[in-house]
């Protein structure tokens, strides 16, 4: 029996342009701040004399939000928007820079821009431009990563970026000025270098993935023309890489070939695990505290949460997919874990059940007037204009495959356009009405039946330990940002087998 998981949609936001990057601030004291970047390709005007030779205009917008769980129905509040060039990646530095959080932004003009977060109040802080680096003409900055992934600041602070010319660009940040200095630039891939990332345990080493299907490692102390290794294990473009901040020698990579690979960086000839996720893997994010949990943005197949314990400790050849969030009706691109500690979801489910009951009573007694019902519906965000369709439901998931013990066994094995819409097979959105109350849900199967609300109100669940997290995800083409809650029971099978019954699966939708 596998560990049960649940997901709740907390809020859905229209970003107007295609949303492709989303990042929670990792700096202590600022975890409630969320940044979202968008990308819009504006075609030449019909009367442009250059015709088909005219350049497309890539524009975008950077949004800054504040998350407040004391506002359960609309926890996310926009506090700033900045019109910019199209944004392809956003990354916060994991530690303060000159006593303030700093974010790096890779954009379509071939620049990496850096902004400071200023202000003392979380709900009124602002991003202010600090400095930028131009990578070169006629290119897009595609990704960036900070050397601070383990929450420790090295000297000097460094950033690695990749671009559409296949080059890697290494910078250092001088905190005394502050200012940025280019340390090195080199040709790493024949085509687009989709992704670049640091080895957080040895920041002299960086990794890159390109549209030439190659995964490469580089020692920045040596000649940059010669990689430390080159892997051809992926069969299509490599577009996501992240080093584990928890376990030395553990690396995750993803590709347009729809596979997530786990590697022991001491042996890059053969991956530890190969998991097919049914969609191109645009982003990978390790959980900030739970060292075996990995979040994947899988383009056509939504967002998936993987359990990597078996691959790290028991030589399992693939990871277990714990949950899938499939409410986005477009390409899944941006994804990130919040470091906030959400309140217990059982109480949230009970609150929602009470709200549903209240709605039912209002419908049963229409003589009390429509005004109160309309207010209740508006507060729940059940009805709003949006291009995507969902149901107002709760899912009690159980993943496929055997459950794994929670003891820390993995140390026995691991110690110490180029535009974003390149992938084929985009599914069209459905045209049904859509809900979005705080308990909407994603599923490991878009056709799976959902449980009724009463199945969640189980007193025996409250005693079992849980991992609860808040996640932000965004999708291309439908211009949507989702904030949702994920919960996994940490009880072992022997602890749960005698107390839990199989969940009922019925659909309940509000129109």
Protein backbone atom coordinates (compact mmCIF):
# COMPACT_ATOMS: atom_id res chain seq x y z
CA UNK A 1 0.00 0.00 0.00
CA UNK A 2 1.39 3.39 -1.01
CA UNK A 3 1.38 6.62 0.94
CA UNK A 4 -1.84 8.60 0.30
CA UNK A 5 -1.55 12.13 -1.09
CA UNK A 6 -4.01 14.98 -1.53
CA UNK A 7 -3.95 18.22 -3.51
CA UNK A 8 -6.08 21.35 -3.07
CA UNK A 9 -6.26 24.32 -5.40
CA UNK A 10 -6.07 27.48 -3.32
CA UNK A 11 -6.23 30.18 -5.99
CA UNK A 12 -6.09 30.66 -9.75
CA UNK A 13 -4.80 33.90 -11.29
CA UNK A 14 -5.06 35.20 -14.85
CA UNK A 15 -1.59 36.44 -15.90
CA UNK A 16 -2.80 37.93 -19.23
CA UNK A 17 0.34 36.74 -21.08
CA UNK A 18 1.70 33.18 -21.18
CA UNK A 19 3.20 32.36 -17.78
CA UNK A 20 6.43 30.36 -17.94
CA UNK A 21 8.38 31.03 -14.72
CA UNK A 22 7.32 31.17 -11.09
CA UNK A 23 9.53 31.35 -7.97
CA UNK A 24 8.86 31.68 -4.24
CA UNK A 25 11.40 33.81 -2.38
CA UNK A 26 13.69 31.45 -0.42
CA UNK A 27 15.19 34.13 1.86
CA UNK A 28 14.28 33.71 5.52
CA UNK A 29 11.51 36.13 6.51
CA UNK A 30 10.34 36.61 2.91
CA UNK A 31 8.86 33.21 2.12
CA UNK A 32 5.42 34.71 1.45
CA UNK A 33 6.67 36.59 -1.64
CA UNK A 34 6.08 35.01 -5.07
CA UNK A 35 7.39 36.19 -8.46
CA UNK A 36 5.87 35.15 -11.80
CA UNK A 37 7.26 35.90 -15.26
CA UNK A 38 5.36 35.93 -18.55
CA UNK A 39 6.19 35.72 -22.26
CA UNK A 40 4.22 37.06 -25.22
CA UNK A 41 5.22 36.81 -28.88
CA UNK A 42 3.74 39.72 -30.79
CA UNK A 43 3.75 39.09 -34.54
CA UNK A 44 4.64 41.87 -37.01
CA UNK A 45 1.80 44.16 -37.95
CA UNK A 46 -0.06 43.30 -41.14
CA UNK A 47 1.14 46.49 -42.85
CA UNK A 48 4.82 45.99 -42.02
CA UNK A 49 6.81 46.53 -45.25
CA UNK A 50 9.35 43.89 -44.22
CA UNK A 51 6.66 41.20 -44.43
CA UNK A 52 7.71 37.77 -43.17
CA UNK A 53 11.26 39.08 -42.58
CA UNK A 54 10.10 41.44 -39.86
CA UNK A 55 11.23 40.53 -36.37
CA UNK A 56 8.69 39.35 -33.85
CA UNK A 57 8.37 41.46 -30.73
CA UNK A 58 8.76 39.49 -27.52
CA UNK A 59 7.26 41.24 -24.55
CA UNK A 60 6.38 40.17 -21.03
CA UNK A 61 5.52 41.17 -17.50
CA UNK A 62 6.92 40.44 -14.07
CA UNK A 63 4.36 40.00 -11.30
CA UNK A 64 5.09 40.16 -7.58
CA UNK A 65 2.58 38.62 -5.15
CA UNK A 66 2.18 38.33 -1.40
CA UNK A 67 0.71 35.11 0.04
CA UNK A 68 -1.38 35.36 3.23
CA UNK A 69 -2.95 32.15 4.52
CA UNK A 70 -5.14 34.16 6.86
CA UNK A 71 -7.11 35.00 3.70
CA UNK A 72 -8.11 31.40 2.84
CA UNK A 73 -10.24 32.15 -0.22
CA UNK A 74 -7.89 34.63 -1.92
CA UNK A 75 -4.50 34.15 -0.22
CA UNK A 76 -2.49 35.61 -3.11
CA UNK A 77 -2.46 39.40 -3.58
CA UNK A 78 -0.68 41.20 -6.40
CA UNK A 79 1.60 43.92 -5.04
CA UNK A 80 3.57 44.91 -8.16
CA UNK A 81 3.69 44.44 -11.93
CA UNK A 82 6.53 45.50 -14.21
CA UNK A 83 6.28 45.51 -18.01
CA UNK A 84 9.49 44.05 -19.42
CA UNK A 85 10.94 42.10 -22.29
CA UNK A 86 9.67 38.52 -22.41
CA UNK A 87 10.85 36.54 -19.38
CA UNK A 88 12.25 33.02 -19.80
CA UNK A 89 13.50 32.30 -16.27
CA UNK A 90 13.44 33.76 -12.76
CA UNK A 91 15.62 32.73 -9.82
CA UNK A 92 15.95 34.27 -6.35
CA UNK A 93 19.30 34.23 -4.61
CA UNK A 94 18.90 31.91 -1.60
CA UNK A 95 20.57 34.38 0.77
CA UNK A 96 20.23 38.17 1.15
CA UNK A 97 22.46 40.37 -1.01
CA UNK A 98 23.38 43.59 0.77
CA UNK A 99 20.71 42.72 3.37
CA UNK A 100 17.91 42.42 0.80
CA UNK A 101 16.47 39.55 -1.26
CA UNK A 102 17.66 39.68 -4.87
CA UNK A 103 16.11 38.08 -7.96
CA UNK A 104 17.71 37.36 -11.33
CA UNK A 105 15.62 37.52 -14.52
CA UNK A 106 16.61 36.01 -17.89
CA UNK A 107 14.87 37.81 -20.74
CA UNK A 108 14.38 37.82 -24.50
CA UNK A 109 16.75 40.74 -25.17
CA UNK A 110 19.69 38.55 -24.21
CA UNK A 111 20.08 40.14 -20.79
CA UNK A 112 20.08 38.89 -17.21
CA UNK A 113 18.66 41.58 -14.94
CA UNK A 114 18.98 41.74 -11.17
CA UNK A 115 16.47 43.42 -8.85
CA UNK A 116 16.48 44.07 -5.10
CA UNK A 117 13.35 43.57 -3.00
CA UNK A 118 12.89 46.71 -0.92
CA UNK A 119 10.50 47.69 1.87
CA UNK A 120 9.85 46.29 5.31
CA UNK A 121 6.19 45.27 4.88
CA UNK A 122 5.56 42.01 3.04
CA UNK A 123 2.31 43.25 1.50
CA UNK A 124 3.83 46.46 0.10
CA UNK A 125 7.42 45.60 -0.82
CA UNK A 126 8.70 46.42 -4.30
CA UNK A 127 11.31 45.16 -6.74
CA UNK A 128 13.79 47.81 -7.84
CA UNK A 129 16.33 47.37 -10.70
CA UNK A 130 19.89 46.97 -9.48
CA UNK A 131 22.12 46.02 -12.46
CA UNK A 132 22.11 43.81 -15.56
CA UNK A 133 24.40 41.88 -17.90
CA UNK A 134 23.94 41.81 -21.69
CA UNK A 135 24.92 38.37 -22.99
CA UNK A 136 25.14 39.49 -26.62
CA UNK A 137 23.07 40.64 -29.56
CA UNK A 138 20.45 38.52 -31.31
CA UNK A 139 20.02 35.99 -28.54
CA UNK A 140 17.68 35.06 -25.71
CA UNK A 141 18.81 34.50 -22.15
CA UNK A 142 17.17 31.13 -21.42
CA UNK A 143 18.02 30.21 -17.82
CA UNK A 144 20.02 31.14 -14.74
CA UNK A 145 21.05 29.63 -11.41
CA UNK A 146 22.69 30.95 -8.25
CA UNK A 147 25.60 29.26 -6.47
CA UNK A 148 23.69 29.51 -3.17
CA UNK A 149 21.38 26.51 -3.55
CA UNK A 150 22.25 25.13 -0.11
CA UNK A 151 21.42 28.44 1.55
CA UNK A 152 25.10 29.23 2.09
CA UNK A 153 26.81 32.18 0.50
CA UNK A 154 30.17 31.51 -1.06
CA UNK A 155 32.72 34.20 -1.83
CA UNK A 156 32.28 35.48 -4.39
CA UNK A 157 28.59 35.00 -5.04
CA UNK A 158 28.14 33.59 -8.55
CA UNK A 159 25.48 33.16 -11.23
CA UNK A 160 25.48 30.86 -14.28
CA UNK A 161 23.25 31.61 -17.28
CA UNK A 162 22.57 29.92 -20.63
CA UNK A 163 21.42 31.42 -23.92
CA UNK A 164 19.94 30.63 -27.32
CA UNK A 165 23.38 30.70 -28.99
CA UNK A 166 24.39 27.62 -27.00
CA UNK A 167 26.69 29.59 -24.69
CA UNK A 168 27.14 29.55 -20.92
CA UNK A 169 27.84 32.79 -19.06
CA UNK A 170 29.42 32.88 -15.60
CA UNK A 171 29.08 36.02 -13.44
CA UNK A 172 30.22 37.09 -10.00
CA UNK A 173 28.24 39.49 -7.79
CA UNK A 174 30.23 42.07 -5.87
CA UNK A 175 28.17 42.78 -2.76
CA UNK A 176 30.23 45.79 -1.73
CA UNK A 177 29.19 47.88 -4.75
CA UNK A 178 26.87 46.03 -5.54
CA UNK A 179 27.75 45.16 -9.13
CA UNK A 180 28.11 42.23 -11.49
CA UNK A 181 31.22 41.04 -13.36
CA UNK A 182 31.45 38.60 -16.26
CA UNK A 183 33.95 35.86 -15.37
CA UNK A 184 33.70 33.71 -18.48
CA UNK A 185 31.59 32.93 -21.55
CA UNK A 186 31.98 29.83 -23.67
CA UNK A 187 30.28 27.78 -26.36
CA UNK A 188 28.76 24.74 -24.67
CA UNK A 189 26.19 23.39 -27.16
CA UNK A 190 25.64 23.45 -30.93
CA UNK A 191 22.09 24.70 -30.53
CA UNK A 192 20.14 26.37 -27.73
CA UNK A 193 21.56 25.84 -24.23
CA UNK A 194 18.19 25.44 -22.54
CA UNK A 195 19.44 25.11 -18.99
CA UNK A 196 22.46 25.75 -16.77
CA UNK A 197 22.81 24.85 -13.08
CA UNK A 198 25.41 24.74 -10.32
CA UNK A 199 26.60 21.77 -8.35
CA UNK A 200 25.56 23.23 -5.00
CA UNK A 201 28.13 21.10 -3.17
CA UNK A 202 31.03 22.22 -5.36
CA UNK A 203 30.16 25.51 -7.03
CA UNK A 204 33.22 25.38 -9.27
CA UNK A 205 31.25 22.74 -11.21
CA UNK A 206 28.27 23.63 -13.42
CA UNK A 207 25.98 21.52 -15.59
CA UNK A 208 24.29 22.39 -18.87
CA UNK A 209 21.68 20.89 -21.18
CA UNK A 210 21.07 21.77 -24.81
CA UNK A 211 18.91 21.19 -27.84
CA UNK A 212 21.71 18.97 -29.17
CA UNK A 213 20.38 16.31 -26.73
CA UNK A 214 23.54 16.55 -24.62
CA UNK A 215 24.01 16.87 -20.87
CA UNK A 216 27.43 18.28 -19.96
CA UNK A 217 29.47 19.03 -16.85
CA UNK A 218 32.05 21.80 -16.59
CA UNK A 219 34.81 22.65 -14.12
CA UNK A 220 35.01 26.43 -14.26
CA UNK A 221 38.58 26.37 -12.90
CA UNK A 222 39.75 24.60 -16.06
CA UNK A 223 39.58 25.40 -19.75
CA UNK A 224 35.87 25.90 -20.54
CA UNK A 225 36.29 24.41 -24.02
CA UNK A 226 36.55 20.90 -22.57
CA UNK A 227 33.64 19.47 -20.53
CA UNK A 228 34.28 17.19 -17.57
CA UNK A 229 31.74 14.77 -19.04
CA UNK A 230 29.25 14.59 -21.89
CA UNK A 231 26.18 12.36 -21.60
CA UNK A 232 24.03 11.25 -24.53
CA UNK A 233 21.60 9.40 -22.29
CA UNK A 234 18.68 11.73 -23.12
CA UNK A 235 17.28 11.25 -26.61
CA UNK A 236 15.97 14.81 -27.09
CA UNK A 237 16.83 18.31 -25.89
CA UNK A 238 17.85 18.56 -22.22
CA UNK A 239 15.88 21.43 -20.69
CA UNK A 240 15.93 20.98 -16.89
CA UNK A 241 18.66 20.30 -14.35
CA UNK A 242 18.78 20.67 -10.59
CA UNK A 243 21.32 19.52 -8.06
CA UNK A 244 19.90 18.25 -4.78
CA UNK A 245 20.47 20.75 -1.95
CA UNK A 246 20.08 17.90 0.57
CA UNK A 247 22.25 15.06 -0.75
CA UNK A 248 25.71 15.41 -2.15
CA UNK A 249 26.24 13.70 -5.52
CA UNK A 250 22.52 13.62 -6.41
CA UNK A 251 21.44 15.32 -9.64
CA UNK A 252 18.09 15.40 -11.46
CA UNK A 253 17.75 16.09 -15.20
CA UNK A 254 14.76 16.30 -17.54
CA UNK A 255 14.29 16.43 -21.28
CA UNK A 256 11.85 16.84 -24.14
CA UNK A 257 12.13 13.03 -24.33
CA UNK A 258 9.65 12.94 -21.39
CA UNK A 259 12.06 11.28 -18.97
CA UNK A 260 13.36 12.38 -15.57
CA UNK A 261 16.78 10.92 -14.80
CA UNK A 262 18.48 10.75 -11.41
CA UNK A 263 22.26 10.64 -11.35
CA UNK A 264 25.05 9.94 -8.92
CA UNK A 265 27.46 12.66 -10.06
CA UNK A 266 30.43 10.39 -9.28
CA UNK A 267 29.29 8.12 -12.13
CA UNK A 268 27.66 9.92 -15.04
CA UNK A 269 27.78 6.93 -17.37
CA UNK A 270 24.49 5.45 -16.18
CA UNK A 271 21.59 7.10 -14.30
CA UNK A 272 20.34 5.79 -10.99
CA UNK A 273 16.72 5.96 -12.17
CA UNK A 274 14.76 6.70 -15.33
CA UNK A 275 11.12 7.77 -14.91
CA UNK A 276 8.78 8.34 -17.85
CA UNK A 277 6.47 11.29 -17.02
CA UNK A 278 4.58 11.54 -20.35
CA UNK A 279 5.56 15.13 -21.11
CA UNK A 280 8.64 17.19 -21.85
CA UNK A 281 10.29 18.10 -18.54
CA UNK A 282 10.76 21.88 -18.57
CA UNK A 283 11.55 22.38 -14.87
CA UNK A 284 12.61 20.24 -11.90
CA UNK A 285 12.53 21.40 -8.26
CA UNK A 286 13.66 19.46 -5.21
CA UNK A 287 11.45 19.92 -2.16
CA UNK A 288 13.03 22.47 0.22
CA UNK A 289 12.90 20.16 3.28
CA UNK A 290 11.76 16.66 2.20
CA UNK A 291 14.91 15.33 0.55
CA UNK A 292 13.35 12.55 -1.55
CA UNK A 293 10.50 14.57 -3.14
CA UNK A 294 10.92 16.09 -6.61
CA UNK A 295 8.50 18.38 -8.48
CA UNK A 296 8.46 18.19 -12.28
CA UNK A 297 6.77 20.50 -14.81
CA UNK A 298 5.91 18.05 -17.57
CA UNK A 299 4.57 20.27 -20.36
CA UNK A 300 1.71 18.26 -21.95
CA UNK A 301 1.01 16.08 -18.88
CA UNK A 302 0.85 18.70 -16.13
CA UNK A 303 2.87 18.77 -12.92
CA UNK A 304 4.07 15.61 -11.18
CA UNK A 305 5.50 14.94 -7.74
CA UNK A 306 8.00 12.09 -7.60
CA UNK A 307 9.13 9.94 -4.67
CA UNK A 308 12.83 9.22 -5.24
CA UNK A 309 13.55 7.15 -2.10
CA UNK A 310 13.62 3.80 -3.84
CA UNK A 311 16.03 5.00 -6.50
CA UNK A 312 18.38 6.43 -3.91
CA UNK A 313 18.30 3.53 -1.45
CA UNK A 314 16.95 0.36 -3.04
CA UNK A 315 18.18 0.40 -6.64
CA UNK A 316 14.67 0.93 -8.02
CA UNK A 317 14.97 1.79 -11.69
CA UNK A 318 12.25 4.43 -11.63
CA UNK A 319 10.72 6.84 -9.16
CA UNK A 320 7.16 6.56 -7.90
CA UNK A 321 4.80 9.29 -9.12
CA UNK A 322 3.01 10.33 -5.93
CA UNK A 323 0.68 12.96 -7.39
CA UNK A 324 -0.19 14.74 -10.60
CA UNK A 325 -1.73 18.19 -10.84
CA UNK A 326 -3.51 18.43 -14.16
CA UNK A 327 -5.86 21.40 -13.87
CA UNK A 328 -3.75 23.45 -16.29
CA UNK A 329 -5.17 22.96 -19.78
CA UNK A 330 -1.96 23.99 -21.51
CA UNK A 331 1.80 23.42 -21.44
CA UNK A 332 3.14 23.12 -17.88
CA UNK A 333 6.25 25.30 -17.52
CA UNK A 334 6.88 27.09 -14.23
CA UNK A 335 6.81 25.29 -10.87
CA UNK A 336 8.16 25.92 -7.39
CA UNK A 337 7.76 24.86 -3.76
CA UNK A 338 7.03 27.43 -1.08
CA UNK A 339 8.97 27.29 2.19
CA UNK A 340 5.89 28.39 4.11
CA UNK A 341 4.37 25.91 6.56
CA UNK A 342 0.66 25.64 5.68
CA UNK A 343 -1.99 24.97 8.27
CA UNK A 344 -3.35 21.46 8.62
CA UNK A 345 -5.40 20.56 5.57
CA UNK A 346 -7.96 18.57 7.57
CA UNK A 347 -9.21 21.77 9.19
CA UNK A 348 -9.21 23.39 5.75
CA UNK A 349 -11.30 20.50 4.40
CA UNK A 350 -13.74 20.81 7.29
CA UNK A 351 -14.03 24.55 6.67
CA UNK A 352 -14.74 23.82 3.02
CA UNK A 353 -17.33 21.17 3.90
CA UNK A 354 -19.09 23.69 6.11
CA UNK A 355 -19.04 26.19 3.27
CA UNK A 356 -20.49 23.64 0.85
CA UNK A 357 -23.25 22.91 3.36
CA UNK A 358 -23.97 26.62 3.69
CA UNK A 359 -24.19 26.91 -0.08
CA UNK A 360 -26.57 23.97 -0.17
CA UNK A 361 -28.82 25.58 2.42
CA UNK A 362 -28.91 28.81 0.45
CA UNK A 363 -29.89 27.00 -2.71
CA UNK A 364 -32.60 25.14 -0.82
CA UNK A 365 -34.05 28.43 0.51
CA UNK A 366 -34.06 30.80 -2.47
CA UNK A 367 -36.49 33.11 -0.65
CA UNK A 368 -33.54 34.43 1.36
CA UNK A 369 -32.44 36.19 -1.80
CA UNK A 370 -29.64 35.87 -4.31
CA UNK A 371 -27.40 38.56 -2.88
CA UNK A 372 -25.95 36.45 -0.06
CA UNK A 373 -25.38 33.48 -2.38
CA UNK A 374 -23.64 35.64 -4.95
CA UNK A 375 -21.35 37.06 -2.29
CA UNK A 376 -20.50 33.58 -1.03
CA UNK A 377 -19.76 32.33 -4.53
CA UNK A 378 -17.62 35.35 -5.33
CA UNK A 379 -15.56 34.91 -2.16
CA UNK A 380 -14.98 31.25 -2.99
CA UNK A 381 -13.89 32.13 -6.53
CA UNK A 382 -16.16 29.36 -7.83
CA UNK A 383 -17.11 31.40 -10.87
CA UNK A 384 -14.69 33.60 -12.83
CA UNK A 385 -13.71 34.20 -16.42
CA UNK A 386 -10.84 32.03 -17.55
CA UNK A 387 -9.85 29.94 -20.57
CA UNK A 388 -9.44 26.74 -18.58
CA UNK A 389 -12.08 24.34 -17.25
CA UNK A 390 -11.94 22.53 -13.90
CA UNK A 391 -14.24 21.00 -11.31
CA UNK A 392 -14.69 22.00 -7.67
CA UNK A 393 -13.56 18.76 -6.10
CA UNK A 394 -11.20 17.19 -3.62
CA UNK A 395 -9.06 14.19 -4.47
CA UNK A 396 -7.75 11.62 -2.04
CA UNK A 397 -4.96 10.04 -4.05
CA UNK A 398 -2.99 6.88 -3.57
CA UNK A 399 0.04 6.37 -5.77
CA UNK A 400 0.85 3.26 -7.71
CA UNK A 401 3.50 0.87 -6.45
CA UNK A 402 4.79 -0.15 -3.05
CA UNK A 403 5.22 2.26 -0.17
CA UNK A 404 8.75 2.86 1.02
CA UNK A 405 9.96 3.05 4.61
CA UNK A 406 10.73 6.56 5.85
CA UNK A 407 14.06 5.77 7.49
CA UNK A 408 17.04 7.50 5.89
CA UNK A 409 18.46 4.64 3.86
CA UNK A 410 19.64 6.63 0.89
CA UNK A 411 23.00 7.45 2.45
CA UNK A 412 23.96 3.84 1.86
CA UNK A 413 23.95 4.67 -1.82
CA UNK A 414 24.53 8.41 -1.85
CA UNK A 415 26.84 9.76 0.77
CA UNK A 416 28.40 12.64 1.58
CA UNK A 417 9.78 29.90 -30.42
CA UNK A 418 13.75 28.64 -29.71
CA UNK A 419 10.43 29.70 -28.32
CA UNK A 420 9.02 27.79 -25.41
CA UNK A 421 6.25 26.13 -27.40
CA UNK A 422 8.53 23.85 -29.41
CA UNK A 423 7.00 20.63 -28.14
CA UNK A 424 4.36 19.06 -30.43
CA UNK A 425 1.03 17.68 -29.38
CA UNK A 426 -0.53 20.60 -27.51
CA UNK A 427 -3.99 19.66 -26.34
CA UNK A 428 -6.78 22.16 -26.85
CA UNK A 429 -8.64 23.58 -23.88
CA UNK A 430 -12.16 22.40 -23.23
CA UNK A 431 -14.96 24.92 -23.21
CA UNK A 432 -16.85 23.89 -20.11
CA UNK A 433 -17.49 26.24 -17.20
CA UNK A 434 -14.76 26.29 -14.65
CA UNK A 435 -14.61 26.39 -10.90
CA UNK A 436 -11.85 27.49 -8.62
CA UNK A 437 -12.79 27.30 -4.99
CA UNK A 438 -10.11 26.68 -2.40
CA UNK A 439 -10.57 22.93 -2.58
CA UNK A 440 -10.21 22.31 -6.34
CA UNK A 441 -7.86 19.50 -7.16
CA UNK A 442 -5.45 17.90 -9.57
CA UNK A 443 -5.24 14.17 -10.10
CA UNK A 444 -2.82 11.49 -11.17
CA UNK A 445 -5.29 10.64 -13.93
CA UNK A 446 -7.36 13.33 -15.67
CA UNK A 447 -10.20 10.83 -15.99
CA UNK A 448 -10.17 9.65 -12.40
CA UNK A 449 -13.29 10.01 -10.30
CA UNK A 450 -13.09 12.32 -7.32
CA UNK A 451 -14.20 11.64 -3.76
CA UNK A 452 -17.09 13.31 -2.05
CA UNK A 453 -16.29 15.79 0.69
CA UNK A 454 -17.40 13.53 3.53
CA UNK A 455 -14.61 11.04 2.88
CA UNK A 456 -12.09 13.64 4.06
CA UNK A 457 -13.59 14.13 7.49
CA UNK A 458 -11.87 11.18 9.16
CA UNK A 459 -10.67 11.56 12.71
CA UNK A 460 -8.08 8.79 12.35
CA UNK A 461 -6.24 10.81 9.68
CA UNK A 462 -5.51 13.69 12.00
CA UNK A 463 -3.17 11.65 14.18
CA UNK A 464 -0.88 10.49 11.37
CA UNK A 465 2.18 12.62 10.48
CA UNK A 466 1.93 14.57 7.23
CA UNK A 467 4.14 16.51 4.87
CA UNK A 468 2.22 19.61 3.76
CA UNK A 469 3.48 22.05 1.17
CA UNK A 470 2.27 25.00 -0.89
CA UNK A 471 3.12 24.91 -4.60
CA UNK A 472 2.91 27.52 -7.35
CA UNK A 473 2.66 26.41 -10.98
CA UNK A 474 2.03 28.23 -14.26
CA UNK A 475 1.24 27.27 -17.81
CA UNK A 476 1.88 28.57 -21.32
CA UNK A 477 -0.88 29.67 -23.71
CA UNK A 478 -3.72 29.63 -21.17
CA UNK A 479 -2.08 32.45 -19.13
CA UNK A 480 -2.75 30.86 -15.76
CA UNK A 481 -0.99 30.81 -12.39
CA UNK A 482 -2.18 28.20 -9.87
CA UNK A 483 -1.37 28.09 -6.17
CA UNK A 484 -2.18 24.76 -4.55
CA UNK A 485 -1.53 22.70 -1.46
CA UNK A 486 -0.06 19.21 -1.46
CA UNK A 487 -0.24 16.78 1.44
CA UNK A 488 1.42 13.40 1.85
CA UNK A 489 0.89 11.04 4.75
CA UNK A 490 4.18 10.04 6.37
CA UNK A 491 2.68 7.02 8.10
CA UNK A 492 4.10 3.63 7.11
CA UNK A 493 1.79 1.03 5.51
CA UNK A 494 1.53 -0.92 8.78
CA UNK A 495 0.35 2.22 10.56
CA UNK A 496 -2.28 3.09 8.00
CA UNK A 497 -3.53 -0.32 6.85
CA UNK A 498 -5.70 -0.91 9.89
CA UNK A 499 -7.15 2.57 10.10
CA UNK A 500 -7.89 3.59 6.54
CA UNK A 501 -10.48 2.34 4.15
CA UNK A 502 -10.17 2.75 0.37
CA UNK A 503 -11.34 6.24 -0.62
CA UNK A 504 -14.65 6.64 -2.38
CA UNK A 505 -14.31 8.17 -5.81
CA UNK A 506 -17.24 10.24 -6.95
CA UNK A 507 -17.40 13.48 -8.87
CA UNK A 508 -18.88 16.57 -7.32
CA UNK A 509 -18.91 19.75 -9.38
CA UNK A 510 -20.49 23.13 -8.86
CA UNK A 511 -21.85 25.11 -11.77
